[in-house]
Amino acid sequence: LQLIGTGSKGTIQQLINHNHFGQKAKVYQTKKAGKDFYVLIYGSYPSKAAANAEIGRLPSSVKQLKPWAKPYSAVKASIQSSASSQSTSHKG
Protein backbone atom coordinates (compact mmCIF):
# COMPACT_ATOMS: atom_id res chain seq x y z
CA LEU A 1 0.00 0.00 0.00
CA GLN A 2 1.21 3.47 -0.75
CA LEU A 3 0.16 5.62 2.19
CA ILE A 4 1.65 8.98 1.29
CA GLY A 5 4.15 10.72 -0.93
CA THR A 6 5.67 14.02 0.16
CA GLY A 7 8.71 16.23 -0.11
CA SER A 8 9.14 16.04 3.67
CA LYS A 9 10.92 13.05 5.15
CA GLY A 10 9.98 14.36 8.62
CA THR A 11 6.26 14.12 7.81
CA ILE A 12 6.67 10.47 6.92
CA GLN A 13 8.67 9.72 10.07
CA GLN A 14 5.98 11.35 12.21
CA LEU A 15 3.30 9.24 10.53
CA ILE A 16 5.31 6.05 11.14
CA ASN A 17 5.92 6.89 14.78
CA HIS A 18 2.38 8.10 15.52
CA ASN A 19 0.80 4.94 14.07
CA HIS A 20 3.42 2.48 15.35
CA PHE A 21 3.88 0.98 11.88
CA GLY A 22 7.22 -0.64 12.75
CA GLN A 23 8.81 -3.00 10.25
CA LYS A 24 5.77 -3.11 7.94
CA ALA A 25 6.50 0.48 6.87
CA LYS A 26 9.15 1.24 4.27
CA VAL A 27 10.22 4.57 2.84
CA TYR A 28 11.81 5.06 -0.52
CA GLN A 29 13.19 8.20 -2.08
CA THR A 30 12.63 9.30 -5.62
CA LYS A 31 12.51 12.58 -7.52
CA LYS A 32 9.47 14.63 -8.48
CA ALA A 33 9.90 17.78 -10.53
CA GLY A 34 13.65 17.52 -9.84
CA LYS A 35 13.24 17.54 -6.05
CA ASP A 36 13.54 14.81 -3.44
CA PHE A 37 10.25 13.02 -2.89
CA TYR A 38 9.63 10.40 -0.21
CA VAL A 39 7.04 7.65 -0.44
CA LEU A 40 5.72 5.62 2.49
CA ILE A 41 4.60 2.12 1.65
CA TYR A 42 3.08 -0.33 4.10
CA GLY A 43 3.05 -4.10 4.03
CA SER A 44 3.30 -6.68 1.31
CA TYR A 45 0.20 -8.44 0.08
CA PRO A 46 -0.42 -11.48 -2.15
CA SER A 47 -3.08 -9.69 -4.20
CA LYS A 48 -4.65 -6.32 -4.85
CA ALA A 49 -7.78 -7.53 -3.05
CA ALA A 50 -5.75 -8.37 0.07
CA ALA A 51 -4.08 -4.95 -0.04
CA ASN A 52 -7.43 -3.21 -0.42
CA ALA A 53 -8.81 -5.21 2.52
CA GLU A 54 -5.92 -3.94 4.65
CA ILE A 55 -6.93 -0.34 3.89
CA GLY A 56 -10.12 -0.99 5.85
CA ARG A 57 -8.06 -1.96 8.90
CA LEU A 58 -5.87 1.15 8.91
CA PRO A 59 -6.45 3.93 11.46
CA SER A 60 -8.96 6.53 10.26
CA SER A 61 -6.26 9.21 10.24
CA VAL A 62 -4.32 7.12 7.72
CA LYS A 63 -7.42 6.30 5.65
CA GLN A 64 -7.90 10.05 5.20
CA LEU A 65 -4.64 10.06 3.23
CA LYS A 66 -6.40 7.89 0.64
CA PRO A 67 -3.90 5.00 0.55
CA TRP A 68 -3.94 2.81 -2.52
CA ALA A 69 -2.67 -0.57 -3.62
CA LYS A 70 0.52 0.09 -5.56
CA PRO A 71 2.07 -2.89 -7.34
CA TYR A 72 5.63 -3.75 -6.32
CA SER A 73 6.62 -3.45 -9.97
CA ALA A 74 5.62 0.24 -9.89
CA VAL A 75 7.62 0.81 -6.70
CA LYS A 76 10.65 -0.89 -8.22
CA ALA A 77 10.33 1.10 -11.46
CA SER A 78 10.12 4.37 -9.52
CA ILE A 79 13.24 3.55 -7.51
CA GLN A 80 15.18 2.47 -10.60
CA SER A 81 14.11 5.55 -12.53
CA SER A 82 15.24 7.80 -9.70
CA ALA A 83 18.55 5.95 -9.36
CA SER A 84 19.31 6.20 -13.06
CA SER A 85 18.49 9.91 -13.19
CA GLN A 86 20.71 10.53 -10.15
CA SER A 87 23.63 8.62 -11.66
CA THR A 88 23.41 10.55 -14.94
CA SER A 89 23.16 13.87 -13.10
CA HIS A 90 26.42 13.13 -11.23
CA LYS A 91 28.43 12.50 -14.39
CA GLY A 92 30.75 15.38 -15.06
C-alpha atoms as a PDB file:
ATOM      1  CA  LEU A   1       0.000   0.000   0.000  1.00  0.00           C
ATOM      2  CA  GLN A   2       1.210   3.470  -0.749  1.00  0.00           C
ATOM      3  CA  LEU A   3       0.156   5.617   2.187  1.00  0.00           C
ATOM      4  CA  ILE A   4       1.650   8.985   1.288  1.00  0.00           C
ATOM      5  CA  GLY A   5       4.152  10.717  -0.935  1.00  0.00           C
ATOM      6  CA  THR A   6       5.671  14.021   0.157  1.00  0.00           C
ATOM      7  CA  GLY A   7       8.712  16.228  -0.109  1.00  0.00           C
ATOM      8  CA  SER A   8       9.140  16.044   3.673  1.00  0.00           C
ATOM      9  CA  LYS A   9      10.920  13.053   5.151  1.00  0.00           C
ATOM     10  CA  GLY A  10       9.976  14.355   8.615  1.00  0.00           C
ATOM     11  CA  THR A  11       6.260  14.125   7.813  1.00  0.00           C
ATOM     12  CA  ILE A  12       6.670  10.468   6.922  1.00  0.00           C
ATOM     13  CA  GLN A  13       8.670   9.720  10.066  1.00  0.00           C
ATOM     14  CA  GLN A  14       5.983  11.353  12.209  1.00  0.00           C
ATOM     15  CA  LEU A  15       3.304   9.242  10.531  1.00  0.00           C
ATOM     16  CA  ILE A  16       5.307   6.049  11.135  1.00  0.00           C
ATOM     17  CA  ASN A  17       5.922   6.892  14.782  1.00  0.00           C
ATOM     18  CA  HIS A  18       2.381   8.096  15.516  1.00  0.00           C
ATOM     19  CA  ASN A  19       0.805   4.944  14.073  1.00  0.00           C
ATOM     20  CA  HIS A  20       3.417   2.476  15.348  1.00  0.00           C
ATOM     21  CA  PHE A  21       3.880   0.978  11.880  1.00  0.00           C
ATOM     22  CA  GLY A  22       7.216  -0.639  12.754  1.00  0.00           C
ATOM     23  CA  GLN A  23       8.807  -3.003  10.251  1.00  0.00           C
ATOM     24  CA  LYS A  24       5.773  -3.105   7.936  1.00  0.00           C
ATOM     25  CA  ALA A  25       6.498   0.480   6.874  1.00  0.00           C
ATOM     26  CA  LYS A  26       9.151   1.244   4.274  1.00  0.00           C
ATOM     27  CA  VAL A  27      10.217   4.570   2.837  1.00  0.00           C
ATOM     28  CA  TYR A  28      11.808   5.065  -0.521  1.00  0.00           C
ATOM     29  CA  GLN A  29      13.187   8.203  -2.076  1.00  0.00           C
ATOM     30  CA  THR A  30      12.625   9.301  -5.621  1.00  0.00           C
ATOM     31  CA  LYS A  31      12.508  12.581  -7.520  1.00  0.00           C
ATOM     32  CA  LYS A  32       9.467  14.632  -8.477  1.00  0.00           C
ATOM     33  CA  ALA A  33       9.905  17.785 -10.533  1.00  0.00           C
ATOM     34  CA  GLY A  34      13.646  17.523  -9.841  1.00  0.00           C
ATOM     35  CA  LYS A  35      13.236  17.543  -6.050  1.00  0.00           C
ATOM     36  CA  ASP A  36      13.543  14.812  -3.437  1.00  0.00           C
ATOM     37  CA  PHE A  37      10.245  13.018  -2.892  1.00  0.00           C
ATOM     38  CA  TYR A  38       9.634  10.398  -0.212  1.00  0.00           C
ATOM     39  CA  VAL A  39       7.037   7.650  -0.438  1.00  0.00           C
ATOM     40  CA  LEU A  40       5.719   5.617   2.490  1.00  0.00           C
ATOM     41  CA  ILE A  41       4.597   2.119   1.649  1.00  0.00           C
ATOM     42  CA  TYR A  42       3.077  -0.328   4.100  1.00  0.00           C
ATOM     43  CA  GLY A  43       3.047  -4.101   4.032  1.00  0.00           C
ATOM     44  CA  SER A  44       3.304  -6.676   1.307  1.00  0.00           C
ATOM     45  CA  TYR A  45       0.201  -8.445   0.075  1.00  0.00           C
ATOM     46  CA  PRO A  46      -0.421 -11.477  -2.148  1.00  0.00           C
ATOM     47  CA  SER A  47      -3.080  -9.692  -4.200  1.00  0.00           C
ATOM     48  CA  LYS A  48      -4.647  -6.320  -4.854  1.00  0.00           C
ATOM     49  CA  ALA A  49      -7.785  -7.530  -3.051  1.00  0.00           C
ATOM     50  CA  ALA A  50      -5.754  -8.369   0.072  1.00  0.00           C
ATOM     51  CA  ALA A  51      -4.080  -4.955  -0.039  1.00  0.00           C
ATOM     52  CA  ASN A  52      -7.426  -3.212  -0.423  1.00  0.00           C
ATOM     53  CA  ALA A  53      -8.812  -5.208   2.517  1.00  0.00           C
ATOM     54  CA  GLU A  54      -5.922  -3.936   4.654  1.00  0.00           C
ATOM     55  CA  ILE A  55      -6.929  -0.344   3.890  1.00  0.00           C
ATOM     56  CA  GLY A  56     -10.122  -0.993   5.853  1.00  0.00           C
ATOM     57  CA  ARG A  57      -8.055  -1.958   8.901  1.00  0.00           C
ATOM     58  CA  LEU A  58      -5.870   1.152   8.913  1.00  0.00           C
ATOM     59  CA  PRO A  59      -6.452   3.927  11.463  1.00  0.00           C
ATOM     60  CA  SER A  60      -8.962   6.527  10.264  1.00  0.00           C
ATOM     61  CA  SER A  61      -6.256   9.214  10.237  1.00  0.00           C
ATOM     62  CA  VAL A  62      -4.325   7.116   7.718  1.00  0.00           C
ATOM     63  CA  LYS A  63      -7.419   6.296   5.654  1.00  0.00           C
ATOM     64  CA  GLN A  64      -7.900  10.052   5.201  1.00  0.00           C
ATOM     65  CA  LEU A  65      -4.638  10.063   3.229  1.00  0.00           C
ATOM     66  CA  LYS A  66      -6.403   7.885   0.637  1.00  0.00           C
ATOM     67  CA  PRO A  67      -3.901   4.999   0.552  1.00  0.00           C
ATOM     68  CA  TRP A  68      -3.942   2.812  -2.518  1.00  0.00           C
ATOM     69  CA  ALA A  69      -2.669  -0.567  -3.622  1.00  0.00           C
ATOM     70  CA  LYS A  70       0.518   0.086  -5.562  1.00  0.00           C
ATOM     71  CA  PRO A  71       2.072  -2.886  -7.336  1.00  0.00           C
ATOM     72  CA  TYR A  72       5.630  -3.751  -6.315  1.00  0.00           C
ATOM     73  CA  SER A  73       6.625  -3.453  -9.972  1.00  0.00           C
ATOM     74  CA  ALA A  74       5.615   0.238  -9.895  1.00  0.00           C
ATOM     75  CA  VAL A  75       7.617   0.814  -6.705  1.00  0.00           C
ATOM     76  CA  LYS A  76      10.655  -0.892  -8.220  1.00  0.00           C
ATOM     77  CA  ALA A  77      10.332   1.099 -11.459  1.00  0.00           C
ATOM     78  CA  SER A  78      10.119   4.369  -9.525  1.00  0.00           C
ATOM     79  CA  ILE A  79      13.239   3.553  -7.513  1.00  0.00           C
ATOM     80  CA  GLN A  80      15.177   2.472 -10.597  1.00  0.00           C
ATOM     81  CA  SER A  81      14.109   5.552 -12.528  1.00  0.00           C
ATOM     82  CA  SER A  82      15.244   7.802  -9.704  1.00  0.00           C
ATOM     83  CA  ALA A  83      18.552   5.949  -9.356  1.00  0.00           C
ATOM     84  CA  SER A  84      19.313   6.198 -13.060  1.00  0.00           C
ATOM     85  CA  SER A  85      18.492   9.914 -13.188  1.00  0.00           C
ATOM     86  CA  GLN A  86      20.709  10.525 -10.154  1.00  0.00           C
ATOM     87  CA  SER A  87      23.630   8.620 -11.660  1.00  0.00           C
ATOM     88  CA  THR A  88      23.405  10.552 -14.937  1.00  0.00           C
ATOM     89  CA  SER A  89      23.162  13.868 -13.100  1.00  0.00           C
ATOM     90  CA  HIS A  90      26.422  13.128 -11.230  1.00  0.00           C
ATOM     91  CA  LYS A  91      28.434  12.504 -14.393  1.00  0.00           C
ATOM     92  CA  GLY A  92      30.755  15.377 -15.056  1.00  0.00           C
END
